[in-house]
Amino acid sequence: MIRRQTIQCSIVLEAVNRTKGHSTADEIYEMIHGDYPTLSRATVYRNLNRLADEGQIRKITLPGGADCFEKMCSPHYHI
Protein backbone atom coordinates (compact mmCIF):
# COMPACT_ATOMS: atom_id res chain seq x y z
CA MET A 1 0.00 0.00 0.00
CA ILE A 2 1.35 3.39 -0.98
CA ARG A 3 0.92 6.00 1.74
CA ARG A 4 0.81 9.66 0.92
CA GLN A 5 3.50 11.91 2.30
CA THR A 6 1.87 14.27 4.79
CA ILE A 7 3.19 17.71 5.69
CA GLN A 8 3.94 16.46 9.22
CA CYS A 9 5.90 13.51 7.86
CA SER A 10 7.89 15.82 5.59
CA ILE A 11 8.72 18.10 8.53
CA VAL A 12 9.96 15.14 10.60
CA LEU A 13 12.02 13.76 7.70
CA GLU A 14 13.60 17.16 7.10
CA ALA A 15 14.53 17.43 10.79
CA VAL A 16 16.16 13.99 10.77
CA ASN A 17 18.10 14.86 7.63
CA ARG A 18 19.42 18.04 9.31
CA THR A 19 20.84 16.12 12.27
CA LYS A 20 24.40 14.96 12.45
CA GLY A 21 24.55 11.49 13.91
CA HIS A 22 21.88 9.81 15.97
CA SER A 23 18.99 11.63 17.63
CA THR A 24 16.24 10.43 19.92
CA ALA A 25 12.60 11.12 19.18
CA ASP A 26 12.55 13.68 21.99
CA GLU A 27 15.55 15.52 20.51
CA ILE A 28 13.88 15.61 17.11
CA TYR A 29 10.64 16.82 18.69
CA GLU A 30 12.52 19.66 20.43
CA MET A 31 14.13 20.66 17.10
CA ILE A 32 10.72 20.87 15.43
CA HIS A 33 8.63 22.29 18.27
CA GLY A 34 9.99 25.85 18.04
CA ASP A 35 8.91 26.25 14.41
CA TYR A 36 5.81 24.02 14.60
CA PRO A 37 4.36 24.29 18.12
CA THR A 38 1.10 22.58 17.13
CA LEU A 39 2.92 19.41 16.03
CA SER A 40 2.47 16.96 18.89
CA ARG A 41 5.08 14.65 20.35
CA ALA A 42 2.88 11.67 19.37
CA THR A 43 2.85 12.83 15.74
CA VAL A 44 6.65 13.03 15.73
CA TYR A 45 6.97 9.54 17.25
CA ARG A 46 4.43 8.08 14.82
CA ASN A 47 6.11 9.62 11.78
CA LEU A 48 9.61 8.60 12.88
CA ASN A 49 8.47 4.99 13.14
CA ARG A 50 6.64 5.22 9.82
CA LEU A 51 9.71 6.63 8.07
CA ALA A 52 11.87 3.90 9.59
CA ASP A 53 9.40 1.19 8.53
CA GLU A 54 9.43 2.59 4.98
CA GLY A 55 13.25 2.61 4.91
CA GLN A 56 13.58 6.38 4.56
CA ILE A 57 15.50 6.72 7.85
CA ARG A 58 17.28 4.26 10.12
CA LYS A 59 16.02 3.34 13.60
CA ILE A 60 18.58 2.14 16.12
CA THR A 61 17.13 0.27 19.09
CA LEU A 62 19.30 0.52 22.17
CA PRO A 63 18.69 -1.97 25.00
CA GLY A 64 17.71 -0.04 28.11
CA GLY A 65 17.75 3.28 26.30
CA ALA A 66 15.73 5.42 23.96
CA ASP A 67 15.57 4.49 20.29
CA CYS A 68 17.66 6.70 18.04
CA PHE A 69 17.00 7.75 14.49
CA GLU A 70 19.37 8.84 11.74
CA LYS A 71 19.28 9.71 8.09
CA MET A 72 20.11 6.95 5.69
CA CYS A 73 23.83 6.79 5.06
CA SER A 74 26.48 4.24 4.36
CA PRO A 75 26.36 1.14 6.58
CA HIS A 76 28.25 1.44 9.86
CA TYR A 77 28.28 -0.35 13.19
CA HIS A 78 26.58 0.63 16.44
CA ILE A 79 28.08 -0.69 19.64
C-alpha atoms as a PDB file:
ATOM      1  CA  MET A   1       0.000   0.000   0.000  1.00  0.00           C
ATOM      2  CA  ILE A   2       1.346   3.393  -0.975  1.00  0.00           C
ATOM      3  CA  ARG A   3       0.921   5.998   1.738  1.00  0.00           C
ATOM      4  CA  ARG A   4       0.808   9.659   0.921  1.00  0.00           C
ATOM      5  CA  GLN A   5       3.498  11.913   2.299  1.00  0.00           C
ATOM      6  CA  THR A   6       1.867  14.275   4.790  1.00  0.00           C
ATOM      7  CA  ILE A   7       3.189  17.705   5.695  1.00  0.00           C
ATOM      8  CA  GLN A   8       3.936  16.459   9.216  1.00  0.00           C
ATOM      9  CA  CYS A   9       5.902  13.506   7.856  1.00  0.00           C
ATOM     10  CA  SER A  10       7.891  15.824   5.587  1.00  0.00           C
ATOM     11  CA  ILE A  11       8.715  18.097   8.534  1.00  0.00           C
ATOM     12  CA  VAL A  12       9.963  15.136  10.601  1.00  0.00           C
ATOM     13  CA  LEU A  13      12.025  13.758   7.696  1.00  0.00           C
ATOM     14  CA  GLU A  14      13.596  17.158   7.096  1.00  0.00           C
ATOM     15  CA  ALA A  15      14.527  17.426  10.791  1.00  0.00           C
ATOM     16  CA  VAL A  16      16.161  13.985  10.774  1.00  0.00           C
ATOM     17  CA  ASN A  17      18.101  14.862   7.633  1.00  0.00           C
ATOM     18  CA  ARG A  18      19.417  18.043   9.306  1.00  0.00           C
ATOM     19  CA  THR A  19      20.837  16.121  12.269  1.00  0.00           C
ATOM     20  CA  LYS A  20      24.404  14.960  12.448  1.00  0.00           C
ATOM     21  CA  GLY A  21      24.552  11.486  13.911  1.00  0.00           C
ATOM     22  CA  HIS A  22      21.880   9.806  15.970  1.00  0.00           C
ATOM     23  CA  SER A  23      18.985  11.628  17.632  1.00  0.00           C
ATOM     24  CA  THR A  24      16.238  10.429  19.921  1.00  0.00           C
ATOM     25  CA  ALA A  25      12.604  11.118  19.176  1.00  0.00           C
ATOM     26  CA  ASP A  26      12.553  13.682  21.992  1.00  0.00           C
ATOM     27  CA  GLU A  27      15.549  15.520  20.514  1.00  0.00           C
ATOM     28  CA  ILE A  28      13.884  15.614  17.110  1.00  0.00           C
ATOM     29  CA  TYR A  29      10.641  16.825  18.690  1.00  0.00           C
ATOM     30  CA  GLU A  30      12.523  19.658  20.425  1.00  0.00           C
ATOM     31  CA  MET A  31      14.135  20.660  17.100  1.00  0.00           C
ATOM     32  CA  ILE A  32      10.724  20.875  15.430  1.00  0.00           C
ATOM     33  CA  HIS A  33       8.632  22.286  18.271  1.00  0.00           C
ATOM     34  CA  GLY A  34       9.989  25.847  18.041  1.00  0.00           C
ATOM     35  CA  ASP A  35       8.912  26.245  14.415  1.00  0.00           C
ATOM     36  CA  TYR A  36       5.814  24.025  14.597  1.00  0.00           C
ATOM     37  CA  PRO A  37       4.357  24.293  18.125  1.00  0.00           C
ATOM     38  CA  THR A  38       1.100  22.581  17.129  1.00  0.00           C
ATOM     39  CA  LEU A  39       2.916  19.409  16.027  1.00  0.00           C
ATOM     40  CA  SER A  40       2.470  16.959  18.889  1.00  0.00           C
ATOM     41  CA  ARG A  41       5.082  14.645  20.350  1.00  0.00           C
ATOM     42  CA  ALA A  42       2.876  11.671  19.374  1.00  0.00           C
ATOM     43  CA  THR A  43       2.855  12.830  15.743  1.00  0.00           C
ATOM     44  CA  VAL A  44       6.654  13.035  15.733  1.00  0.00           C
ATOM     45  CA  TYR A  45       6.974   9.537  17.248  1.00  0.00           C
ATOM     46  CA  ARG A  46       4.432   8.083  14.820  1.00  0.00           C
ATOM     47  CA  ASN A  47       6.112   9.618  11.783  1.00  0.00           C
ATOM     48  CA  LEU A  48       9.608   8.598  12.879  1.00  0.00           C
ATOM     49  CA  ASN A  49       8.467   4.989  13.138  1.00  0.00           C
ATOM     50  CA  ARG A  50       6.640   5.217   9.817  1.00  0.00           C
ATOM     51  CA  LEU A  51       9.709   6.631   8.067  1.00  0.00           C
ATOM     52  CA  ALA A  52      11.868   3.898   9.587  1.00  0.00           C
ATOM     53  CA  ASP A  53       9.404   1.193   8.526  1.00  0.00           C
ATOM     54  CA  GLU A  54       9.433   2.592   4.980  1.00  0.00           C
ATOM     55  CA  GLY A  55      13.248   2.610   4.912  1.00  0.00           C
ATOM     56  CA  GLN A  56      13.580   6.377   4.561  1.00  0.00           C
ATOM     57  CA  ILE A  57      15.496   6.715   7.849  1.00  0.00           C
ATOM     58  CA  ARG A  58      17.282   4.262  10.120  1.00  0.00           C
ATOM     59  CA  LYS A  59      16.023   3.339  13.601  1.00  0.00           C
ATOM     60  CA  ILE A  60      18.580   2.142  16.123  1.00  0.00           C
ATOM     61  CA  THR A  61      17.126   0.273  19.089  1.00  0.00           C
ATOM     62  CA  LEU A  62      19.304   0.516  22.169  1.00  0.00           C
ATOM     63  CA  PRO A  63      18.694  -1.971  24.996  1.00  0.00           C
ATOM     64  CA  GLY A  64      17.708  -0.040  28.114  1.00  0.00           C
ATOM     65  CA  GLY A  65      17.750   3.284  26.302  1.00  0.00           C
ATOM     66  CA  ALA A  66      15.726   5.423  23.964  1.00  0.00           C
ATOM     67  CA  ASP A  67      15.574   4.486  20.291  1.00  0.00           C
ATOM     68  CA  CYS A  68      17.664   6.703  18.041  1.00  0.00           C
ATOM     69  CA  PHE A  69      17.005   7.752  14.486  1.00  0.00           C
ATOM     70  CA  GLU A  70      19.374   8.840  11.742  1.00  0.00           C
ATOM     71  CA  LYS A  71      19.278   9.713   8.094  1.00  0.00           C
ATOM     72  CA  MET A  72      20.108   6.948   5.692  1.00  0.00           C
ATOM     73  CA  CYS A  73      23.829   6.793   5.055  1.00  0.00           C
ATOM     74  CA  SER A  74      26.477   4.241   4.355  1.00  0.00           C
ATOM     75  CA  PRO A  75      26.359   1.142   6.583  1.00  0.00           C
ATOM     76  CA  HIS A  76      28.252   1.439   9.859  1.00  0.00           C
ATOM     77  CA  TYR A  77      28.276  -0.355  13.192  1.00  0.00           C
ATOM     78  CA  HIS A  78      26.577   0.628  16.439  1.00  0.00           C
ATOM     79  CA  ILE A  79      28.079  -0.685  19.643  1.00  0.00           C
END
